[in-house]
Amino acid sequence: MDESNALLPIRGHAALRRGRACEAHRIYLLTFVTEQRLPWFADAHLAEAAIGALLDARSWRHSTLLAWVLMPDHWHGVVELGPGDSVPALARQLKCSSSRRVRAALGAVVPSAVWAQAYHDRALRREEALLAEARYVVMNPVRAGLVRRVREYPYWGAVWARR
């Protein structure tokens, strides 16, 4: 990095993450939204492409995906961070691999990025909060009015639930 850039203040989402540490075996709620909140995943073909990448075992070698839902314009995941992983690295991996698969599924030049640059993460404070957070995540389609019961929605999963 050249010296002139080293003096620039860190702004935006990067500033919020400054000084934060990721802890192995800690549970995090991770959320990505699509660029401009475009509903890419209302299209089943694109949703399946994204899910193929988001669930790919190569992304989950160290960390564990406990619960997730893909909505038309965002993704939530409840993740237990593994040793050697970090939230920023995992978010980058998931967003990059799913973007590649969505672009391939489109078979054309995409006019904008699939995912917005930023993401949101929050560490859960207590073990008791885990199940409540997982329920919150998988119930998103019901709260959004997309389905009456979560089992009617095809794009979700949890380690505790059989589909």
N, C-alpha and C. Protein backbone atom coordinates (compact mmCIF):
# COMPACT_ATOMS: atom_id res chain seq x y z
N MET A 1 0.86 -1.17 0.00
CA MET A 1 0.00 0.00 0.00
C MET A 1 0.90 1.22 0.00
N ASP A 2 0.54 2.25 -0.82
CA ASP A 2 1.38 3.44 -0.80
C ASP A 2 1.05 4.28 0.43
N GLU A 3 1.98 5.15 0.80
CA GLU A 3 1.84 5.91 2.05
C GLU A 3 0.66 6.85 2.05
N SER A 4 0.27 7.38 0.90
CA SER A 4 -0.86 8.32 0.87
C SER A 4 -2.16 7.63 1.27
N ASN A 5 -2.34 6.36 0.89
CA ASN A 5 -3.54 5.62 1.27
C ASN A 5 -3.52 5.22 2.74
N ALA A 6 -2.35 5.03 3.31
CA ALA A 6 -2.24 4.61 4.70
C ALA A 6 -2.80 5.66 5.65
N LEU A 7 -2.84 6.91 5.23
CA LEU A 7 -3.31 7.99 6.08
C LEU A 7 -4.80 8.24 5.98
N LEU A 8 -5.46 7.62 5.00
CA LEU A 8 -6.89 7.82 4.81
C LEU A 8 -7.67 7.12 5.92
N PRO A 9 -8.71 7.76 6.44
CA PRO A 9 -9.50 7.10 7.48
C PRO A 9 -10.33 5.96 6.89
N ILE A 10 -10.57 4.95 7.70
CA ILE A 10 -11.43 3.85 7.28
C ILE A 10 -12.87 4.30 7.50
N ARG A 11 -13.70 4.15 6.46
CA ARG A 11 -15.07 4.62 6.55
C ARG A 11 -16.05 3.50 6.25
N GLY A 12 -17.33 3.78 6.50
CA GLY A 12 -18.40 2.86 6.14
C GLY A 12 -18.36 1.58 6.94
N HIS A 13 -18.75 0.48 6.25
CA HIS A 13 -18.83 -0.82 6.91
C HIS A 13 -17.48 -1.30 7.41
N ALA A 14 -16.42 -0.97 6.69
CA ALA A 14 -15.08 -1.38 7.12
C ALA A 14 -14.73 -0.77 8.47
N ALA A 15 -15.16 0.48 8.70
CA ALA A 15 -14.89 1.13 9.98
C ALA A 15 -15.62 0.44 11.13
N LEU A 16 -16.80 -0.07 10.86
CA LEU A 16 -17.56 -0.76 11.90
C LEU A 16 -16.88 -2.05 12.33
N ARG A 17 -16.14 -2.67 11.42
CA ARG A 17 -15.48 -3.94 11.72
C ARG A 17 -14.08 -3.78 12.30
N ARG A 18 -13.55 -2.57 12.30
CA ARG A 18 -12.20 -2.32 12.80
C ARG A 18 -12.09 -2.75 14.26
N GLY A 19 -11.08 -3.54 14.53
CA GLY A 19 -10.84 -3.97 15.90
C GLY A 19 -11.68 -5.15 16.35
N ARG A 20 -12.58 -5.63 15.50
CA ARG A 20 -13.41 -6.78 15.87
C ARG A 20 -12.64 -8.06 15.63
N ALA A 21 -12.85 -9.00 16.48
CA ALA A 21 -12.19 -10.30 16.34
C ALA A 21 -13.23 -11.38 16.16
N CYS A 22 -12.90 -12.38 15.38
CA CYS A 22 -13.77 -13.53 15.18
C CYS A 22 -13.30 -14.62 16.13
N GLU A 23 -14.24 -15.34 16.69
CA GLU A 23 -13.89 -16.40 17.63
C GLU A 23 -14.34 -17.75 17.09
N ALA A 24 -13.40 -18.70 17.07
CA ALA A 24 -13.75 -20.06 16.68
C ALA A 24 -14.78 -20.62 17.64
N HIS A 25 -15.69 -21.41 17.14
CA HIS A 25 -16.77 -22.08 17.88
C HIS A 25 -17.84 -21.10 18.37
N ARG A 26 -17.77 -19.86 17.96
CA ARG A 26 -18.81 -18.88 18.28
C ARG A 26 -19.87 -18.96 17.20
N ILE A 27 -21.13 -18.73 17.56
CA ILE A 27 -22.24 -18.76 16.60
C ILE A 27 -22.50 -17.33 16.12
N TYR A 28 -22.64 -17.18 14.82
CA TYR A 28 -22.89 -15.87 14.20
C TYR A 28 -24.13 -15.94 13.31
N LEU A 29 -24.90 -14.85 13.30
CA LEU A 29 -25.93 -14.66 12.29
C LEU A 29 -25.27 -13.83 11.20
N LEU A 30 -25.31 -14.34 9.99
CA LEU A 30 -24.68 -13.69 8.85
C LEU A 30 -25.76 -13.38 7.83
N THR A 31 -25.77 -12.16 7.31
CA THR A 31 -26.78 -11.73 6.33
C THR A 31 -26.10 -11.01 5.18
N PHE A 32 -26.48 -11.40 3.95
CA PHE A 32 -26.07 -10.69 2.74
C PHE A 32 -27.34 -10.24 2.03
N VAL A 33 -27.30 -9.07 1.44
CA VAL A 33 -28.41 -8.63 0.59
C VAL A 33 -27.90 -8.49 -0.84
N THR A 34 -28.81 -8.60 -1.78
CA THR A 34 -28.44 -8.44 -3.18
C THR A 34 -28.18 -6.97 -3.47
N GLU A 35 -27.40 -6.74 -4.49
CA GLU A 35 -27.12 -5.37 -4.93
C GLU A 35 -28.45 -4.69 -5.28
N GLN A 36 -28.67 -3.54 -4.72
CA GLN A 36 -29.89 -2.74 -4.92
C GLN A 36 -31.16 -3.51 -4.54
N ARG A 37 -30.98 -4.52 -3.69
CA ARG A 37 -32.09 -5.38 -3.23
C ARG A 37 -32.89 -5.97 -4.40
N LEU A 38 -32.20 -6.24 -5.50
CA LEU A 38 -32.86 -6.86 -6.66
C LEU A 38 -33.28 -8.29 -6.30
N PRO A 39 -34.48 -8.69 -6.65
CA PRO A 39 -34.98 -10.02 -6.27
C PRO A 39 -34.49 -11.14 -7.20
N TRP A 40 -33.17 -11.29 -7.31
CA TRP A 40 -32.58 -12.32 -8.17
C TRP A 40 -33.19 -13.70 -7.91
N PHE A 41 -33.42 -14.02 -6.64
CA PHE A 41 -33.74 -15.39 -6.26
C PHE A 41 -35.23 -15.67 -6.22
N ALA A 42 -36.02 -14.76 -6.79
CA ALA A 42 -37.42 -15.07 -7.06
C ALA A 42 -37.47 -16.03 -8.26
N ASP A 43 -36.39 -16.06 -9.04
CA ASP A 43 -36.24 -16.98 -10.16
C ASP A 43 -35.67 -18.28 -9.61
N ALA A 44 -36.42 -19.37 -9.74
CA ALA A 44 -36.01 -20.66 -9.16
C ALA A 44 -34.67 -21.14 -9.71
N HIS A 45 -34.42 -20.91 -10.97
CA HIS A 45 -33.15 -21.34 -11.58
C HIS A 45 -31.97 -20.64 -10.91
N LEU A 46 -32.10 -19.33 -10.67
CA LEU A 46 -31.02 -18.58 -10.03
C LEU A 46 -30.91 -18.93 -8.55
N ALA A 47 -32.04 -19.18 -7.91
CA ALA A 47 -32.02 -19.58 -6.50
C ALA A 47 -31.28 -20.91 -6.34
N GLU A 48 -31.57 -21.86 -7.21
CA GLU A 48 -30.90 -23.17 -7.15
C GLU A 48 -29.40 -23.03 -7.39
N ALA A 49 -29.03 -22.15 -8.31
CA ALA A 49 -27.60 -21.92 -8.58
C ALA A 49 -26.91 -21.35 -7.34
N ALA A 50 -27.53 -20.36 -6.72
CA ALA A 50 -26.94 -19.75 -5.52
C ALA A 50 -26.85 -20.76 -4.39
N ILE A 51 -27.90 -21.53 -4.19
CA ILE A 51 -27.91 -22.53 -3.10
C ILE A 51 -26.82 -23.57 -3.33
N GLY A 52 -26.62 -23.97 -4.57
CA GLY A 52 -25.56 -24.93 -4.86
C GLY A 52 -24.21 -24.44 -4.36
N ALA A 53 -23.96 -23.16 -4.51
CA ALA A 53 -22.69 -22.59 -4.04
C ALA A 53 -22.70 -22.37 -2.53
N LEU A 54 -23.80 -21.85 -2.01
CA LEU A 54 -23.87 -21.54 -0.57
C LEU A 54 -23.79 -22.79 0.30
N LEU A 55 -24.21 -23.92 -0.24
CA LEU A 55 -24.17 -25.17 0.52
C LEU A 55 -22.98 -26.06 0.15
N ASP A 56 -22.17 -25.63 -0.78
CA ASP A 56 -21.04 -26.43 -1.25
C ASP A 56 -20.11 -26.77 -0.08
N ALA A 57 -19.83 -28.03 0.09
CA ALA A 57 -19.01 -28.51 1.21
C ALA A 57 -17.64 -27.86 1.25
N ARG A 58 -17.12 -27.43 0.11
CA ARG A 58 -15.80 -26.79 0.09
C ARG A 58 -15.79 -25.48 0.87
N SER A 59 -16.93 -24.83 1.00
CA SER A 59 -17.01 -23.59 1.79
C SER A 59 -17.15 -23.88 3.28
N TRP A 60 -17.47 -25.10 3.61
CA TRP A 60 -17.79 -25.45 5.01
C TRP A 60 -16.80 -26.48 5.57
N ARG A 61 -15.55 -26.37 5.21
CA ARG A 61 -14.53 -27.31 5.71
C ARG A 61 -14.27 -27.13 7.19
N HIS A 62 -14.30 -25.89 7.67
CA HIS A 62 -13.98 -25.60 9.07
C HIS A 62 -15.21 -25.13 9.85
N SER A 63 -16.02 -24.31 9.22
CA SER A 63 -17.22 -23.77 9.87
C SER A 63 -18.42 -24.65 9.56
N THR A 64 -19.51 -24.44 10.31
CA THR A 64 -20.72 -25.25 10.14
C THR A 64 -21.91 -24.33 9.92
N LEU A 65 -22.67 -24.62 8.87
CA LEU A 65 -23.91 -23.90 8.60
C LEU A 65 -25.02 -24.61 9.36
N LEU A 66 -25.59 -23.94 10.36
CA LEU A 66 -26.59 -24.56 11.22
C LEU A 66 -28.02 -24.34 10.72
N ALA A 67 -28.29 -23.18 10.16
CA ALA A 67 -29.61 -22.87 9.62
C ALA A 67 -29.43 -21.78 8.56
N TRP A 68 -30.31 -21.77 7.55
CA TRP A 68 -30.18 -20.78 6.49
C TRP A 68 -31.52 -20.61 5.77
N VAL A 69 -31.64 -19.48 5.10
CA VAL A 69 -32.77 -19.25 4.21
C VAL A 69 -32.30 -18.31 3.10
N LEU A 70 -32.71 -18.61 1.87
CA LEU A 70 -32.45 -17.74 0.74
C LEU A 70 -33.77 -17.10 0.36
N MET A 71 -33.85 -15.80 0.54
CA MET A 71 -35.03 -15.03 0.18
C MET A 71 -34.80 -14.42 -1.20
N PRO A 72 -35.82 -13.85 -1.83
CA PRO A 72 -35.62 -13.28 -3.17
C PRO A 72 -34.49 -12.26 -3.25
N ASP A 73 -34.26 -11.50 -2.17
CA ASP A 73 -33.23 -10.46 -2.22
C ASP A 73 -32.20 -10.51 -1.09
N HIS A 74 -32.16 -11.61 -0.33
CA HIS A 74 -31.13 -11.73 0.70
C HIS A 74 -30.98 -13.17 1.17
N TRP A 75 -29.90 -13.40 1.92
CA TRP A 75 -29.59 -14.71 2.50
C TRP A 75 -29.24 -14.51 3.96
N HIS A 76 -29.79 -15.37 4.81
CA HIS A 76 -29.43 -15.42 6.23
C HIS A 76 -28.80 -16.78 6.51
N GLY A 77 -27.77 -16.79 7.32
CA GLY A 77 -27.19 -18.05 7.76
C GLY A 77 -26.81 -17.96 9.23
N VAL A 78 -27.09 -19.03 9.96
CA VAL A 78 -26.61 -19.15 11.33
C VAL A 78 -25.42 -20.09 11.25
N VAL A 79 -24.25 -19.57 11.61
CA VAL A 79 -22.99 -20.23 11.35
C VAL A 79 -22.20 -20.42 12.64
N GLU A 80 -21.67 -21.62 12.82
CA GLU A 80 -20.68 -21.81 13.89
C GLU A 80 -19.31 -21.70 13.24
N LEU A 81 -18.57 -20.68 13.61
CA LEU A 81 -17.28 -20.41 13.00
C LEU A 81 -16.26 -21.45 13.45
N GLY A 82 -15.54 -21.99 12.51
CA GLY A 82 -14.54 -23.02 12.80
C GLY A 82 -13.16 -22.43 13.00
N PRO A 83 -12.26 -23.24 13.54
CA PRO A 83 -10.88 -22.78 13.74
C PRO A 83 -10.25 -22.42 12.39
N GLY A 84 -9.55 -21.31 12.37
CA GLY A 84 -8.89 -20.89 11.15
C GLY A 84 -9.77 -20.11 10.20
N ASP A 85 -11.06 -20.05 10.44
CA ASP A 85 -11.97 -19.26 9.60
C ASP A 85 -12.19 -17.91 10.25
N SER A 86 -12.59 -16.95 9.43
CA SER A 86 -13.01 -15.65 9.94
C SER A 86 -14.32 -15.30 9.25
N VAL A 87 -15.11 -14.48 9.88
CA VAL A 87 -16.39 -14.07 9.27
C VAL A 87 -16.14 -13.35 7.95
N PRO A 88 -15.22 -12.39 7.88
CA PRO A 88 -15.00 -11.72 6.58
C PRO A 88 -14.57 -12.69 5.47
N ALA A 89 -13.69 -13.62 5.79
CA ALA A 89 -13.23 -14.57 4.76
C ALA A 89 -14.37 -15.50 4.33
N LEU A 90 -15.17 -15.96 5.27
CA LEU A 90 -16.30 -16.84 4.94
C LEU A 90 -17.33 -16.08 4.11
N ALA A 91 -17.64 -14.85 4.51
CA ALA A 91 -18.60 -14.05 3.74
C ALA A 91 -18.10 -13.83 2.31
N ARG A 92 -16.84 -13.50 2.17
CA ARG A 92 -16.26 -13.27 0.84
C ARG A 92 -16.35 -14.55 0.00
N GLN A 93 -15.99 -15.68 0.58
CA GLN A 93 -16.03 -16.97 -0.13
C GLN A 93 -17.45 -17.29 -0.60
N LEU A 94 -18.42 -17.17 0.31
CA LEU A 94 -19.80 -17.50 -0.03
C LEU A 94 -20.36 -16.57 -1.11
N LYS A 95 -20.10 -15.28 -0.97
CA LYS A 95 -20.61 -14.32 -1.94
C LYS A 95 -19.94 -14.51 -3.31
N CYS A 96 -18.64 -14.74 -3.33
CA CYS A 96 -17.94 -14.94 -4.61
C CYS A 96 -18.40 -16.20 -5.32
N SER A 97 -18.45 -17.31 -4.60
CA SER A 97 -18.82 -18.57 -5.25
C SER A 97 -20.27 -18.56 -5.71
N SER A 98 -21.17 -17.98 -4.92
CA SER A 98 -22.57 -17.94 -5.35
C SER A 98 -22.76 -16.95 -6.50
N SER A 99 -22.03 -15.86 -6.51
CA SER A 99 -22.10 -14.92 -7.64
C SER A 99 -21.66 -15.59 -8.94
N ARG A 100 -20.56 -16.35 -8.87
CA ARG A 100 -20.08 -17.07 -10.06
C ARG A 100 -21.15 -18.01 -10.60
N ARG A 101 -21.79 -18.74 -9.71
CA ARG A 101 -22.80 -19.71 -10.17
C ARG A 101 -24.04 -19.02 -10.72
N VAL A 102 -24.44 -17.91 -10.11
CA VAL A 102 -25.60 -17.17 -10.61
C VAL A 102 -25.29 -16.61 -11.99
N ARG A 103 -24.10 -16.04 -12.15
CA ARG A 103 -23.70 -15.50 -13.46
C ARG A 103 -23.67 -16.62 -14.52
N ALA A 104 -23.15 -17.78 -14.15
CA ALA A 104 -23.12 -18.91 -15.09
C ALA A 104 -24.54 -19.35 -15.45
N ALA A 105 -25.44 -19.35 -14.46
CA ALA A 105 -26.83 -19.75 -14.72
C ALA A 105 -27.52 -18.76 -15.64
N LEU A 106 -27.16 -17.50 -15.54
CA LEU A 106 -27.75 -16.49 -16.42
C LEU A 106 -27.25 -16.66 -17.85
N GLY A 107 -26.00 -17.10 -17.99
CA GLY A 107 -25.45 -17.29 -19.32
C GLY A 107 -25.29 -16.00 -20.10
N ALA A 108 -25.29 -14.88 -19.42
CA ALA A 108 -25.17 -13.59 -20.09
C ALA A 108 -24.43 -12.64 -19.15
N VAL A 109 -24.09 -11.51 -19.68
CA VAL A 109 -23.44 -10.49 -18.86
C VAL A 109 -24.46 -9.92 -17.88
N VAL A 110 -24.08 -9.90 -16.61
CA VAL A 110 -24.97 -9.38 -15.58
C VAL A 110 -24.71 -7.87 -15.46
N PRO A 111 -25.76 -7.06 -15.52
CA PRO A 111 -25.58 -5.61 -15.51
C PRO A 111 -25.08 -5.05 -14.18
N SER A 112 -25.21 -5.79 -13.11
CA SER A 112 -24.73 -5.30 -11.81
C SER A 112 -24.21 -6.48 -11.00
N ALA A 113 -23.62 -6.17 -9.87
CA ALA A 113 -23.16 -7.23 -8.97
C ALA A 113 -24.37 -8.00 -8.45
N VAL A 114 -24.17 -9.25 -8.10
CA VAL A 114 -25.25 -10.05 -7.52
C VAL A 114 -25.48 -9.61 -6.08
N TRP A 115 -24.42 -9.59 -5.28
CA TRP A 115 -24.53 -9.23 -3.86
C TRP A 115 -24.02 -7.82 -3.63
N ALA A 116 -24.64 -7.12 -2.69
CA ALA A 116 -24.12 -5.83 -2.26
C ALA A 116 -22.76 -6.07 -1.60
N GLN A 117 -21.93 -5.07 -1.60
CA GLN A 117 -20.57 -5.22 -1.09
C GLN A 117 -20.55 -5.56 0.40
N ALA A 118 -21.40 -4.96 1.17
CA ALA A 118 -21.39 -5.14 2.61
C ALA A 118 -22.13 -6.42 3.02
N TYR A 119 -22.01 -6.77 4.27
CA TYR A 119 -22.79 -7.84 4.87
C TYR A 119 -22.99 -7.47 6.34
N HIS A 120 -23.88 -8.18 6.99
CA HIS A 120 -24.12 -7.94 8.41
C HIS A 120 -23.80 -9.22 9.16
N ASP A 121 -23.14 -9.09 10.28
CA ASP A 121 -22.91 -10.25 11.13
C ASP A 121 -23.14 -9.85 12.58
N ARG A 122 -23.59 -10.81 13.34
CA ARG A 122 -23.82 -10.58 14.77
C ARG A 122 -23.52 -11.88 15.51
N ALA A 123 -22.67 -11.78 16.51
CA ALA A 123 -22.36 -12.94 17.33
C ALA A 123 -23.50 -13.15 18.33
N LEU A 124 -23.92 -14.39 18.48
CA LEU A 124 -24.96 -14.69 19.47
C LEU A 124 -24.31 -14.71 20.85
N ARG A 125 -25.03 -14.23 21.82
CA ARG A 125 -24.46 -14.09 23.16
C ARG A 125 -24.64 -15.32 24.03
N ARG A 126 -25.70 -16.05 23.82
CA ARG A 126 -25.97 -17.20 24.70
C ARG A 126 -26.37 -18.40 23.86
N GLU A 127 -26.06 -19.57 24.36
CA GLU A 127 -26.47 -20.81 23.68
C GLU A 127 -27.99 -20.87 23.52
N GLU A 128 -28.73 -20.35 24.51
CA GLU A 128 -30.19 -20.41 24.45
C GLU A 128 -30.72 -19.61 23.26
N ALA A 129 -29.95 -18.63 22.81
CA ALA A 129 -30.39 -17.79 21.70
C ALA A 129 -30.29 -18.52 20.36
N LEU A 130 -29.52 -19.59 20.30
CA LEU A 130 -29.27 -20.28 19.04
C LEU A 130 -30.55 -20.79 18.39
N LEU A 131 -31.36 -21.52 19.12
CA LEU A 131 -32.58 -22.08 18.54
C LEU A 131 -33.56 -20.98 18.14
N ALA A 132 -33.67 -19.96 18.97
CA ALA A 132 -34.55 -18.83 18.64
C ALA A 132 -34.08 -18.13 17.37
N GLU A 133 -32.78 -17.96 17.22
CA GLU A 133 -32.22 -17.30 16.03
C GLU A 133 -32.45 -18.17 14.80
N ALA A 134 -32.26 -19.48 14.93
CA ALA A 134 -32.50 -20.39 13.81
C ALA A 134 -33.97 -20.34 13.39
N ARG A 135 -34.87 -20.33 14.36
CA ARG A 135 -36.31 -20.22 14.02
C ARG A 135 -36.60 -18.90 13.30
N TYR A 136 -36.01 -17.82 13.80
CA TYR A 136 -36.20 -16.52 13.17
C TYR A 136 -35.76 -16.58 11.70
N VAL A 137 -34.61 -17.17 11.45
CA VAL A 137 -34.07 -17.25 10.10
C VAL A 137 -35.00 -18.05 9.19
N VAL A 138 -35.35 -19.26 9.58
CA VAL A 138 -36.14 -20.10 8.67
C VAL A 138 -37.59 -19.63 8.53
N MET A 139 -38.07 -18.82 9.45
CA MET A 139 -39.45 -18.30 9.35
C MET A 139 -39.55 -17.05 8.48
N ASN A 140 -38.45 -16.56 7.95
CA ASN A 140 -38.47 -15.37 7.10
C ASN A 140 -39.50 -15.44 5.98
N PRO A 141 -39.60 -16.53 5.23
CA PRO A 141 -40.58 -16.57 4.14
C PRO A 141 -42.02 -16.47 4.62
N VAL A 142 -42.30 -16.98 5.81
CA VAL A 142 -43.66 -16.88 6.38
C VAL A 142 -43.94 -15.43 6.75
N ARG A 143 -43.00 -14.79 7.44
CA ARG A 143 -43.20 -13.39 7.84
C ARG A 143 -43.32 -12.47 6.62
N ALA A 144 -42.61 -12.82 5.53
CA ALA A 144 -42.66 -12.01 4.31
C ALA A 144 -43.92 -12.27 3.49
N GLY A 145 -44.72 -13.26 3.89
CA GLY A 145 -45.95 -13.56 3.17
C GLY A 145 -45.74 -14.38 1.90
N LEU A 146 -44.58 -15.00 1.77
CA LEU A 146 -44.32 -15.82 0.57
C LEU A 146 -44.99 -17.18 0.65
N VAL A 147 -45.16 -17.68 1.88
CA VAL A 147 -45.81 -18.97 2.11
C VAL A 147 -46.56 -18.90 3.44
N ARG A 148 -47.47 -19.85 3.66
CA ARG A 148 -48.18 -19.90 4.94
C ARG A 148 -47.41 -20.71 5.97
N ARG A 149 -46.70 -21.75 5.50
CA ARG A 149 -45.90 -22.60 6.39
C ARG A 149 -44.50 -22.73 5.82
N VAL A 150 -43.50 -22.75 6.68
CA VAL A 150 -42.11 -22.76 6.22
C VAL A 150 -41.83 -23.98 5.33
N ARG A 151 -42.45 -25.10 5.59
CA ARG A 151 -42.19 -26.30 4.78
C ARG A 151 -42.65 -26.13 3.33
N GLU A 152 -43.47 -25.12 3.06
CA GLU A 152 -43.90 -24.85 1.69
C GLU A 152 -42.82 -24.11 0.90
N TYR A 153 -41.86 -23.52 1.60
CA TYR A 153 -40.81 -22.73 0.95
C TYR A 153 -39.61 -23.63 0.65
N PRO A 154 -39.11 -23.62 -0.58
CA PRO A 154 -38.07 -24.59 -0.93
C PRO A 154 -36.64 -24.22 -0.55
N TYR A 155 -36.38 -22.97 -0.18
CA TYR A 155 -34.99 -22.51 -0.06
C TYR A 155 -34.60 -22.23 1.39
N TRP A 156 -34.58 -23.26 2.20
CA TRP A 156 -34.15 -23.12 3.59
C TRP A 156 -33.63 -24.46 4.08
N GLY A 157 -32.96 -24.42 5.21
CA GLY A 157 -32.49 -25.65 5.81
C GLY A 157 -32.01 -25.39 7.23
N ALA A 158 -31.97 -26.45 8.01
CA ALA A 158 -31.45 -26.38 9.39
C ALA A 158 -30.98 -27.77 9.77
N VAL A 159 -29.91 -27.83 10.54
CA VAL A 159 -29.38 -29.14 10.93
C VAL A 159 -30.36 -29.92 11.79
N TRP A 160 -31.33 -29.26 12.40
CA TRP A 160 -32.30 -29.91 13.28
C TRP A 160 -33.55 -30.37 12.56
N ALA A 161 -33.73 -29.96 11.33
CA ALA A 161 -35.00 -30.23 10.63
C ALA A 161 -34.80 -31.16 9.45
N ARG A 162 -35.69 -32.10 9.33
CA ARG A 162 -35.75 -32.94 8.12
C ARG A 162 -36.79 -32.36 7.21
N ARG A 163 -36.52 -32.36 5.92
CA ARG A 163 -37.45 -31.73 4.99
C ARG A 163 -38.20 -32.74 4.19
